[in-house]
Amino acid sequence: MTAVRRPGFEQFQEDLLVLIKEMVKKEDILPSTPWLEVGDAGTREAILQAFKKRMESIYGVELVIEPHLVNLDRPVVSIAIQLHHVFNTIFLMEQINARIRARLGKNRQGEV
């Protein structure tokens, strides 16, 4: 796993906002915009899945999308906060796992 810096919250939120604007073809989407006004449930689901794919492509870490986020009655910033929290947790777990695998690999090479 190459060393990729995880995005700070501001960058993460901006990436989500850019994707939302692209998908709903609106420029007036703000962090304070109610998530349920972004589009219907299908549109919101598609946004979350596209964002998941984008984050996985850039960072090589699977972003787990909790199903309740599709219909969460909160502003977009709240969705970004929850996604960022999950992403950070998984990102850190992957880094720890990579270090453990590297150590195990070194130990096994020493055994041969």
N, C-alpha and C. Protein backbone atom coordinates (compact mmCIF):
# COMPACT_ATOMS: atom_id res chain seq x y z
N MET A 1 0.86 -1.19 0.00
CA MET A 1 0.00 0.00 0.00
C MET A 1 0.89 1.23 0.00
N THR A 2 0.74 2.07 -1.00
CA THR A 2 1.54 3.28 -1.06
C THR A 2 1.06 4.27 -0.02
N ALA A 3 2.00 5.08 0.44
CA ALA A 3 1.67 6.05 1.48
C ALA A 3 0.90 7.22 0.86
N VAL A 4 -0.37 7.24 1.09
CA VAL A 4 -1.23 8.32 0.61
C VAL A 4 -1.77 9.04 1.83
N ARG A 5 -1.67 10.35 1.79
CA ARG A 5 -2.21 11.12 2.92
C ARG A 5 -3.73 11.12 2.85
N ARG A 6 -4.33 10.89 3.99
CA ARG A 6 -5.79 10.92 4.01
C ARG A 6 -6.25 12.38 3.95
N PRO A 7 -7.40 12.60 3.37
CA PRO A 7 -7.88 13.98 3.23
C PRO A 7 -8.37 14.53 4.57
N GLY A 8 -8.09 15.80 4.78
CA GLY A 8 -8.67 16.48 5.93
C GLY A 8 -10.16 16.66 5.69
N PHE A 9 -10.88 17.06 6.73
CA PHE A 9 -12.32 17.18 6.58
C PHE A 9 -12.72 18.19 5.51
N GLU A 10 -12.05 19.33 5.45
CA GLU A 10 -12.43 20.36 4.47
C GLU A 10 -12.32 19.82 3.05
N GLN A 11 -11.23 19.11 2.75
CA GLN A 11 -11.05 18.54 1.41
C GLN A 11 -12.10 17.46 1.14
N PHE A 12 -12.35 16.63 2.13
CA PHE A 12 -13.33 15.55 2.01
C PHE A 12 -14.72 16.13 1.71
N GLN A 13 -15.11 17.14 2.48
CA GLN A 13 -16.41 17.78 2.28
C GLN A 13 -16.48 18.44 0.90
N GLU A 14 -15.40 19.09 0.49
CA GLU A 14 -15.39 19.74 -0.83
C GLU A 14 -15.54 18.70 -1.94
N ASP A 15 -14.85 17.58 -1.80
CA ASP A 15 -14.97 16.51 -2.80
C ASP A 15 -16.42 16.01 -2.89
N LEU A 16 -17.07 15.87 -1.75
CA LEU A 16 -18.47 15.44 -1.74
C LEU A 16 -19.36 16.49 -2.40
N LEU A 17 -19.16 17.75 -2.06
CA LEU A 17 -19.97 18.83 -2.65
C LEU A 17 -19.80 18.90 -4.17
N VAL A 18 -18.57 18.76 -4.63
CA VAL A 18 -18.31 18.79 -6.08
C VAL A 18 -19.06 17.66 -6.77
N LEU A 19 -19.01 16.49 -6.19
CA LEU A 19 -19.71 15.34 -6.77
C LEU A 19 -21.22 15.55 -6.78
N ILE A 20 -21.75 16.05 -5.68
CA ILE A 20 -23.20 16.31 -5.61
C ILE A 20 -23.59 17.29 -6.72
N LYS A 21 -22.84 18.38 -6.85
CA LYS A 21 -23.15 19.39 -7.87
C LYS A 21 -23.10 18.80 -9.27
N GLU A 22 -22.11 17.93 -9.52
CA GLU A 22 -22.00 17.27 -10.82
C GLU A 22 -23.22 16.39 -11.09
N MET A 23 -23.63 15.65 -10.09
CA MET A 23 -24.68 14.66 -10.30
C MET A 23 -26.08 15.26 -10.35
N VAL A 24 -26.33 16.33 -9.60
CA VAL A 24 -27.67 16.92 -9.61
C VAL A 24 -27.76 18.14 -10.52
N LYS A 25 -26.62 18.49 -11.11
CA LYS A 25 -26.57 19.62 -12.07
C LYS A 25 -27.05 20.92 -11.44
N LYS A 26 -26.63 21.16 -10.20
CA LYS A 26 -26.96 22.40 -9.49
C LYS A 26 -25.68 22.95 -8.89
N GLU A 27 -25.51 24.24 -8.93
CA GLU A 27 -24.34 24.87 -8.35
C GLU A 27 -24.61 25.44 -6.96
N ASP A 28 -25.86 25.51 -6.56
CA ASP A 28 -26.20 26.16 -5.29
C ASP A 28 -26.27 25.18 -4.11
N ILE A 29 -25.55 24.08 -4.20
CA ILE A 29 -25.49 23.12 -3.09
C ILE A 29 -24.42 23.59 -2.12
N LEU A 30 -24.81 23.79 -0.87
CA LEU A 30 -23.90 24.26 0.18
C LEU A 30 -23.84 23.22 1.29
N PRO A 31 -22.85 23.34 2.18
CA PRO A 31 -22.82 22.43 3.33
C PRO A 31 -24.12 22.47 4.15
N SER A 32 -24.77 23.62 4.16
CA SER A 32 -26.01 23.77 4.94
C SER A 32 -27.26 23.29 4.21
N THR A 33 -27.13 22.92 2.94
CA THR A 33 -28.27 22.44 2.18
C THR A 33 -28.82 21.16 2.81
N PRO A 34 -30.12 21.09 3.04
CA PRO A 34 -30.69 19.85 3.58
C PRO A 34 -30.43 18.67 2.63
N TRP A 35 -29.90 17.60 3.17
CA TRP A 35 -29.57 16.41 2.38
C TRP A 35 -30.79 15.88 1.65
N LEU A 36 -31.95 15.90 2.28
CA LEU A 36 -33.16 15.37 1.66
C LEU A 36 -33.64 16.23 0.49
N GLU A 37 -33.12 17.46 0.36
CA GLU A 37 -33.48 18.32 -0.77
C GLU A 37 -32.50 18.19 -1.93
N VAL A 38 -31.45 17.40 -1.75
CA VAL A 38 -30.46 17.22 -2.81
C VAL A 38 -31.07 16.46 -3.99
N GLY A 39 -31.96 15.56 -3.71
CA GLY A 39 -32.61 14.75 -4.74
C GLY A 39 -33.44 13.68 -4.06
N ASP A 40 -34.03 12.82 -4.86
CA ASP A 40 -34.81 11.73 -4.27
C ASP A 40 -33.87 10.67 -3.70
N ALA A 41 -34.43 9.66 -3.06
CA ALA A 41 -33.63 8.63 -2.41
C ALA A 41 -32.69 7.93 -3.40
N GLY A 42 -33.17 7.69 -4.60
CA GLY A 42 -32.33 7.05 -5.62
C GLY A 42 -31.13 7.90 -6.00
N THR A 43 -31.36 9.20 -6.12
CA THR A 43 -30.27 10.13 -6.43
C THR A 43 -29.26 10.18 -5.30
N ARG A 44 -29.75 10.26 -4.07
CA ARG A 44 -28.84 10.31 -2.91
C ARG A 44 -28.04 9.02 -2.80
N GLU A 45 -28.68 7.89 -3.04
CA GLU A 45 -27.99 6.60 -3.03
C GLU A 45 -26.89 6.57 -4.10
N ALA A 46 -27.23 7.06 -5.29
CA ALA A 46 -26.25 7.10 -6.39
C ALA A 46 -25.07 8.01 -6.04
N ILE A 47 -25.34 9.13 -5.39
CA ILE A 47 -24.27 10.05 -4.96
C ILE A 47 -23.35 9.34 -3.98
N LEU A 48 -23.93 8.68 -2.99
CA LEU A 48 -23.12 7.98 -1.99
C LEU A 48 -22.28 6.87 -2.62
N GLN A 49 -22.86 6.12 -3.54
CA GLN A 49 -22.10 5.04 -4.19
C GLN A 49 -21.00 5.60 -5.09
N ALA A 50 -21.28 6.70 -5.79
CA ALA A 50 -20.25 7.32 -6.63
C ALA A 50 -19.13 7.89 -5.77
N PHE A 51 -19.48 8.47 -4.63
CA PHE A 51 -18.47 9.01 -3.73
C PHE A 51 -17.61 7.88 -3.16
N LYS A 52 -18.25 6.78 -2.81
CA LYS A 52 -17.53 5.60 -2.32
C LYS A 52 -16.50 5.14 -3.36
N LYS A 53 -16.93 5.02 -4.60
CA LYS A 53 -16.02 4.58 -5.68
C LYS A 53 -14.88 5.57 -5.87
N ARG A 54 -15.19 6.85 -5.81
CA ARG A 54 -14.17 7.88 -5.99
C ARG A 54 -13.12 7.80 -4.87
N MET A 55 -13.57 7.68 -3.64
CA MET A 55 -12.64 7.60 -2.51
C MET A 55 -11.79 6.33 -2.58
N GLU A 56 -12.40 5.22 -2.97
CA GLU A 56 -11.66 3.97 -3.10
C GLU A 56 -10.61 4.09 -4.20
N SER A 57 -10.97 4.74 -5.30
CA SER A 57 -10.04 4.91 -6.41
C SER A 57 -8.85 5.78 -6.02
N ILE A 58 -9.11 6.85 -5.31
CA ILE A 58 -8.04 7.79 -4.93
C ILE A 58 -7.18 7.24 -3.80
N TYR A 59 -7.81 6.69 -2.78
CA TYR A 59 -7.09 6.34 -1.55
C TYR A 59 -6.89 4.84 -1.34
N GLY A 60 -7.51 4.02 -2.16
CA GLY A 60 -7.34 2.58 -2.02
C GLY A 60 -7.95 2.00 -0.76
N VAL A 61 -8.91 2.71 -0.20
CA VAL A 61 -9.56 2.29 1.04
C VAL A 61 -11.06 2.22 0.79
N GLU A 62 -11.66 1.11 1.20
CA GLU A 62 -13.10 0.96 1.01
C GLU A 62 -13.87 1.84 2.00
N LEU A 63 -14.69 2.70 1.48
CA LEU A 63 -15.56 3.53 2.31
C LEU A 63 -16.87 2.79 2.51
N VAL A 64 -17.19 2.50 3.75
CA VAL A 64 -18.43 1.80 4.07
C VAL A 64 -19.54 2.83 4.19
N ILE A 65 -20.58 2.65 3.39
CA ILE A 65 -21.73 3.55 3.40
C ILE A 65 -22.83 2.92 4.25
N GLU A 66 -23.15 3.56 5.34
CA GLU A 66 -24.22 3.05 6.20
C GLU A 66 -25.57 3.37 5.54
N PRO A 67 -26.46 2.38 5.43
CA PRO A 67 -27.73 2.56 4.71
C PRO A 67 -28.58 3.72 5.21
N HIS A 68 -28.53 4.03 6.48
CA HIS A 68 -29.38 5.10 7.02
C HIS A 68 -29.01 6.48 6.47
N LEU A 69 -27.81 6.62 5.90
CA LEU A 69 -27.39 7.93 5.38
C LEU A 69 -28.25 8.40 4.20
N VAL A 70 -28.80 7.47 3.45
CA VAL A 70 -29.61 7.85 2.29
C VAL A 70 -30.77 8.75 2.69
N ASN A 71 -31.41 8.45 3.80
CA ASN A 71 -32.60 9.19 4.21
C ASN A 71 -32.42 9.99 5.50
N LEU A 72 -31.19 10.30 5.84
CA LEU A 72 -30.92 11.06 7.06
C LEU A 72 -31.36 12.51 6.88
N ASP A 73 -32.18 12.99 7.77
CA ASP A 73 -32.74 14.35 7.70
C ASP A 73 -31.79 15.33 8.39
N ARG A 74 -30.69 15.62 7.70
CA ARG A 74 -29.65 16.51 8.21
C ARG A 74 -29.09 17.31 7.03
N PRO A 75 -28.30 18.34 7.31
CA PRO A 75 -27.65 19.06 6.21
C PRO A 75 -26.52 18.22 5.59
N VAL A 76 -26.11 18.60 4.41
CA VAL A 76 -25.04 17.90 3.71
C VAL A 76 -23.78 17.80 4.57
N VAL A 77 -23.47 18.84 5.33
CA VAL A 77 -22.27 18.81 6.17
C VAL A 77 -22.33 17.65 7.16
N SER A 78 -23.49 17.32 7.65
CA SER A 78 -23.64 16.20 8.59
C SER A 78 -23.33 14.87 7.90
N ILE A 79 -23.76 14.74 6.66
CA ILE A 79 -23.45 13.54 5.88
C ILE A 79 -21.95 13.45 5.69
N ALA A 80 -21.33 14.57 5.35
CA ALA A 80 -19.87 14.61 5.16
C ALA A 80 -19.14 14.23 6.44
N ILE A 81 -19.60 14.74 7.57
CA ILE A 81 -18.97 14.43 8.86
C ILE A 81 -19.03 12.92 9.13
N GLN A 82 -20.20 12.34 8.94
CA GLN A 82 -20.34 10.91 9.22
C GLN A 82 -19.50 10.06 8.27
N LEU A 83 -19.51 10.42 6.98
CA LEU A 83 -18.70 9.68 6.02
C LEU A 83 -17.21 9.82 6.34
N HIS A 84 -16.80 11.03 6.70
CA HIS A 84 -15.38 11.28 7.01
C HIS A 84 -14.95 10.48 8.23
N HIS A 85 -15.79 10.41 9.23
CA HIS A 85 -15.47 9.63 10.42
C HIS A 85 -15.24 8.15 10.07
N VAL A 86 -16.15 7.59 9.31
CA VAL A 86 -16.02 6.18 8.91
C VAL A 86 -14.78 6.00 8.04
N PHE A 87 -14.56 6.91 7.09
CA PHE A 87 -13.41 6.83 6.21
C PHE A 87 -12.11 6.86 7.01
N ASN A 88 -12.00 7.80 7.96
CA ASN A 88 -10.79 7.91 8.77
C ASN A 88 -10.53 6.65 9.57
N THR A 89 -11.58 6.09 10.14
CA THR A 89 -11.43 4.87 10.93
C THR A 89 -10.89 3.74 10.06
N ILE A 90 -11.47 3.55 8.90
CA ILE A 90 -11.04 2.48 8.00
C ILE A 90 -9.64 2.77 7.47
N PHE A 91 -9.36 4.02 7.13
CA PHE A 91 -8.04 4.41 6.63
C PHE A 91 -6.96 4.06 7.66
N LEU A 92 -7.20 4.42 8.91
CA LEU A 92 -6.22 4.13 9.97
C LEU A 92 -6.07 2.63 10.19
N MET A 93 -7.17 1.90 10.16
CA MET A 93 -7.10 0.44 10.31
C MET A 93 -6.27 -0.18 9.19
N GLU A 94 -6.45 0.30 7.97
CA GLU A 94 -5.69 -0.21 6.84
C GLU A 94 -4.20 0.09 6.99
N GLN A 95 -3.86 1.28 7.49
CA GLN A 95 -2.45 1.61 7.71
C GLN A 95 -1.84 0.69 8.77
N ILE A 96 -2.56 0.47 9.84
CA ILE A 96 -2.07 -0.42 10.90
C ILE A 96 -1.90 -1.84 10.35
N ASN A 97 -2.88 -2.31 9.61
CA ASN A 97 -2.80 -3.65 9.02
C ASN A 97 -1.61 -3.77 8.07
N ALA A 98 -1.35 -2.73 7.28
CA ALA A 98 -0.22 -2.75 6.35
C ALA A 98 1.10 -2.85 7.11
N ARG A 99 1.20 -2.13 8.22
CA ARG A 99 2.43 -2.20 9.03
C ARG A 99 2.60 -3.59 9.64
N ILE A 100 1.52 -4.16 10.11
CA ILE A 100 1.59 -5.51 10.69
C ILE A 100 2.01 -6.51 9.62
N ARG A 101 1.41 -6.42 8.43
CA ARG A 101 1.78 -7.32 7.34
C ARG A 101 3.25 -7.16 6.97
N ALA A 102 3.73 -5.91 6.94
CA ALA A 102 5.13 -5.66 6.62
C ALA A 102 6.05 -6.30 7.66
N ARG A 103 5.71 -6.15 8.93
CA ARG A 103 6.52 -6.76 10.00
C ARG A 103 6.50 -8.28 9.90
N LEU A 104 5.32 -8.83 9.66
CA LEU A 104 5.21 -10.29 9.53
C LEU A 104 6.03 -10.78 8.35
N GLY A 105 6.02 -10.03 7.27
CA GLY A 105 6.81 -10.38 6.09
C GLY A 105 8.29 -10.38 6.39
N LYS A 106 8.76 -9.39 7.14
CA LYS A 106 10.18 -9.33 7.52
C LYS A 106 10.54 -10.49 8.42
N ASN A 107 9.67 -10.79 9.37
CA ASN A 107 9.93 -11.91 10.28
C ASN A 107 9.99 -13.23 9.53
N ARG A 108 9.13 -13.43 8.58
CA ARG A 108 9.11 -14.68 7.80
C ARG A 108 10.35 -14.79 6.93
N GLN A 109 10.81 -13.67 6.40
CA GLN A 109 12.03 -13.70 5.58
C GLN A 109 13.23 -14.08 6.43
N GLY A 110 13.24 -13.65 7.68
CA GLY A 110 14.33 -13.98 8.60
C GLY A 110 14.34 -15.44 8.99
N GLU A 111 13.19 -16.11 8.88
CA GLU A 111 13.08 -17.53 9.25
C GLU A 111 13.67 -18.43 8.18
N VAL A 112 13.70 -17.97 6.95
CA VAL A 112 14.13 -18.83 5.83
C VAL A 112 15.61 -19.00 5.81
